[in-house]
Amino acid sequence: MALDNSNTSAFPPHASFSDRVLYGVQKALRKLAEETAMKGGSLVVKIDGEVKEVSAKELLKTLPEQDVTE
């Protein structure tokens, strides 16, 4: 498994393992949406219990910005 150069010391000392995992998942989802948007693609998501195909560019507008310095 390859590790990237993200700075894990940027997390507060009290950050739990689950907080770090959640951050990693959010970061991966943002990267997926960004790369798909660059290709003009769409992603399948579940919104209010309904499966929908959404433009990656539109989906990116709804995703939170990364809140920990990389």
N, C-alpha and C. Protein backbone atom coordinates (compact mmCIF):
# COMPACT_ATOMS: atom_id res chain seq x y z
N MET A 1 0.85 -1.17 0.00
CA MET A 1 0.00 0.00 0.00
C MET A 1 0.89 1.23 0.00
N ALA A 2 0.69 2.12 -0.94
CA ALA A 2 1.50 3.33 -1.04
C ALA A 2 0.89 4.44 -0.19
N LEU A 3 1.72 5.18 0.47
CA LEU A 3 1.27 6.31 1.26
C LEU A 3 1.62 7.59 0.53
N ASP A 4 0.73 8.58 0.61
CA ASP A 4 1.05 9.86 -0.01
C ASP A 4 1.80 10.73 0.98
N ASN A 5 2.07 11.95 0.59
CA ASN A 5 2.87 12.84 1.42
C ASN A 5 2.03 13.72 2.33
N SER A 6 0.77 13.35 2.60
CA SER A 6 -0.05 14.20 3.46
C SER A 6 0.52 14.21 4.87
N ASN A 7 0.40 15.34 5.49
CA ASN A 7 1.01 15.58 6.79
C ASN A 7 0.04 15.17 7.89
N THR A 8 0.23 13.98 8.45
CA THR A 8 -0.67 13.51 9.49
C THR A 8 -0.47 14.27 10.79
N SER A 9 0.64 14.97 10.94
CA SER A 9 0.85 15.75 12.15
C SER A 9 -0.02 17.01 12.13
N ALA A 10 -0.69 17.30 11.01
CA ALA A 10 -1.58 18.45 10.93
C ALA A 10 -2.87 18.22 11.70
N PHE A 11 -3.15 16.97 12.07
CA PHE A 11 -4.32 16.67 12.86
C PHE A 11 -4.07 17.09 14.30
N PRO A 12 -5.12 17.54 14.98
CA PRO A 12 -4.96 17.84 16.41
C PRO A 12 -4.55 16.58 17.16
N PRO A 13 -3.81 16.70 18.24
CA PRO A 13 -3.35 15.53 18.97
C PRO A 13 -4.49 14.65 19.48
N HIS A 14 -5.65 15.21 19.70
CA HIS A 14 -6.78 14.45 20.23
C HIS A 14 -7.66 13.83 19.12
N ALA A 15 -7.28 13.98 17.85
CA ALA A 15 -8.08 13.44 16.76
C ALA A 15 -8.12 11.91 16.86
N SER A 16 -9.32 11.38 16.81
CA SER A 16 -9.48 9.93 16.93
C SER A 16 -9.15 9.24 15.62
N PHE A 17 -8.99 7.94 15.71
CA PHE A 17 -8.73 7.13 14.51
C PHE A 17 -9.88 7.30 13.53
N SER A 18 -11.11 7.28 14.03
CA SER A 18 -12.27 7.40 13.14
C SER A 18 -12.30 8.77 12.45
N ASP A 19 -11.85 9.83 13.14
CA ASP A 19 -11.76 11.15 12.51
C ASP A 19 -10.77 11.14 11.36
N ARG A 20 -9.66 10.45 11.56
CA ARG A 20 -8.64 10.36 10.51
C ARG A 20 -9.13 9.54 9.33
N VAL A 21 -9.85 8.46 9.62
CA VAL A 21 -10.40 7.62 8.54
C VAL A 21 -11.44 8.41 7.76
N LEU A 22 -12.33 9.11 8.45
CA LEU A 22 -13.34 9.93 7.79
C LEU A 22 -12.69 10.97 6.88
N TYR A 23 -11.64 11.61 7.37
CA TYR A 23 -10.91 12.58 6.55
C TYR A 23 -10.35 11.92 5.28
N GLY A 24 -9.78 10.73 5.44
CA GLY A 24 -9.23 10.02 4.28
C GLY A 24 -10.29 9.67 3.26
N VAL A 25 -11.46 9.25 3.71
CA VAL A 25 -12.56 8.91 2.80
C VAL A 25 -13.04 10.17 2.08
N GLN A 26 -13.19 11.27 2.81
CA GLN A 26 -13.61 12.53 2.19
C GLN A 26 -12.59 13.00 1.15
N LYS A 27 -11.33 12.85 1.47
CA LYS A 27 -10.26 13.25 0.55
C LYS A 27 -10.31 12.39 -0.72
N ALA A 28 -10.52 11.09 -0.56
CA ALA A 28 -10.60 10.18 -1.70
C ALA A 28 -11.81 10.49 -2.57
N LEU A 29 -12.96 10.78 -1.95
CA LEU A 29 -14.16 11.12 -2.71
C LEU A 29 -13.97 12.42 -3.50
N ARG A 30 -13.33 13.40 -2.87
CA ARG A 30 -13.07 14.67 -3.57
C ARG A 30 -12.15 14.44 -4.76
N LYS A 31 -11.11 13.63 -4.58
CA LYS A 31 -10.18 13.35 -5.67
C LYS A 31 -10.90 12.62 -6.81
N LEU A 32 -11.75 11.65 -6.47
CA LEU A 32 -12.51 10.94 -7.49
C LEU A 32 -13.40 11.90 -8.27
N ALA A 33 -14.09 12.79 -7.56
CA ALA A 33 -14.97 13.75 -8.23
C ALA A 33 -14.17 14.72 -9.09
N GLU A 34 -13.02 15.18 -8.61
CA GLU A 34 -12.19 16.12 -9.38
C GLU A 34 -11.68 15.48 -10.66
N GLU A 35 -11.17 14.25 -10.56
CA GLU A 35 -10.63 13.57 -11.74
C GLU A 35 -11.73 13.24 -12.74
N THR A 36 -12.90 12.86 -12.24
CA THR A 36 -14.02 12.56 -13.13
C THR A 36 -14.53 13.84 -13.79
N ALA A 37 -14.57 14.94 -13.05
CA ALA A 37 -15.01 16.22 -13.59
C ALA A 37 -14.08 16.69 -14.70
N MET A 38 -12.77 16.47 -14.53
CA MET A 38 -11.80 16.88 -15.56
C MET A 38 -12.06 16.14 -16.88
N LYS A 39 -12.60 14.93 -16.77
CA LYS A 39 -12.89 14.13 -17.96
C LYS A 39 -14.31 14.36 -18.47
N GLY A 40 -15.06 15.23 -17.78
CA GLY A 40 -16.43 15.52 -18.18
C GLY A 40 -17.40 14.39 -17.87
N GLY A 41 -17.07 13.58 -16.87
CA GLY A 41 -17.88 12.42 -16.56
C GLY A 41 -18.91 12.65 -15.48
N SER A 42 -19.58 11.57 -15.13
CA SER A 42 -20.59 11.61 -14.08
C SER A 42 -20.35 10.45 -13.12
N LEU A 43 -20.96 10.56 -11.95
CA LEU A 43 -20.85 9.53 -10.91
C LEU A 43 -22.24 9.11 -10.48
N VAL A 44 -22.37 7.89 -10.02
CA VAL A 44 -23.64 7.39 -9.52
C VAL A 44 -23.61 7.55 -8.00
N VAL A 45 -24.63 8.23 -7.46
CA VAL A 45 -24.71 8.50 -6.03
C VAL A 45 -26.11 8.16 -5.53
N LYS A 46 -26.22 8.02 -4.22
CA LYS A 46 -27.51 7.78 -3.59
C LYS A 46 -27.92 9.04 -2.85
N ILE A 47 -29.03 9.65 -3.26
CA ILE A 47 -29.51 10.89 -2.66
C ILE A 47 -30.92 10.65 -2.15
N ASP A 48 -31.12 10.83 -0.87
CA ASP A 48 -32.42 10.60 -0.24
C ASP A 48 -33.00 9.24 -0.58
N GLY A 49 -32.15 8.23 -0.58
CA GLY A 49 -32.59 6.86 -0.83
C GLY A 49 -32.79 6.52 -2.29
N GLU A 50 -32.52 7.47 -3.17
CA GLU A 50 -32.70 7.25 -4.61
C GLU A 50 -31.35 7.29 -5.31
N VAL A 51 -31.10 6.28 -6.15
CA VAL A 51 -29.84 6.21 -6.90
C VAL A 51 -29.95 7.09 -8.13
N LYS A 52 -28.97 8.00 -8.29
CA LYS A 52 -28.99 8.96 -9.40
C LYS A 52 -27.62 9.07 -10.03
N GLU A 53 -27.59 9.41 -11.31
CA GLU A 53 -26.35 9.73 -12.01
C GLU A 53 -26.21 11.25 -12.01
N VAL A 54 -25.08 11.73 -11.49
CA VAL A 54 -24.87 13.16 -11.31
C VAL A 54 -23.58 13.57 -12.00
N SER A 55 -23.59 14.72 -12.64
CA SER A 55 -22.38 15.28 -13.24
C SER A 55 -21.35 15.48 -12.13
N ALA A 56 -20.12 15.06 -12.37
CA ALA A 56 -19.07 15.21 -11.37
C ALA A 56 -18.83 16.69 -11.05
N LYS A 57 -18.98 17.55 -12.04
CA LYS A 57 -18.80 18.99 -11.81
C LYS A 57 -19.85 19.51 -10.85
N GLU A 58 -21.09 19.05 -10.98
CA GLU A 58 -22.15 19.47 -10.07
C GLU A 58 -21.93 18.89 -8.67
N LEU A 59 -21.49 17.65 -8.62
CA LEU A 59 -21.23 17.00 -7.34
C LEU A 59 -20.12 17.72 -6.58
N LEU A 60 -19.10 18.16 -7.28
CA LEU A 60 -17.98 18.87 -6.64
C LEU A 60 -18.45 20.12 -5.91
N LYS A 61 -19.47 20.78 -6.45
CA LYS A 61 -19.98 22.00 -5.82
C LYS A 61 -20.57 21.72 -4.44
N THR A 62 -20.99 20.48 -4.19
CA THR A 62 -21.64 20.15 -2.93
C THR A 62 -20.68 19.54 -1.90
N LEU A 63 -19.49 19.16 -2.33
CA LEU A 63 -18.53 18.52 -1.42
C LEU A 63 -17.81 19.57 -0.58
N PRO A 64 -17.55 19.26 0.69
CA PRO A 64 -16.83 20.21 1.53
C PRO A 64 -15.37 20.33 1.11
N GLU A 65 -14.80 21.50 1.34
CA GLU A 65 -13.37 21.69 1.10
C GLU A 65 -12.60 20.90 2.13
N GLN A 66 -11.36 20.55 1.81
CA GLN A 66 -10.52 19.84 2.78
C GLN A 66 -10.18 20.82 3.89
N ASP A 67 -10.39 20.41 5.15
CA ASP A 67 -10.19 21.31 6.26
C ASP A 67 -8.88 21.13 7.01
N VAL A 68 -8.08 20.18 6.61
CA VAL A 68 -6.76 19.98 7.24
C VAL A 68 -5.71 20.30 6.19
N THR A 69 -4.73 21.11 6.54
CA THR A 69 -3.67 21.49 5.62
C THR A 69 -2.92 20.27 5.13
N GLU A 70 -2.72 20.21 3.83
CA GLU A 70 -2.01 19.05 3.25
C GLU A 70 -0.54 19.34 3.12
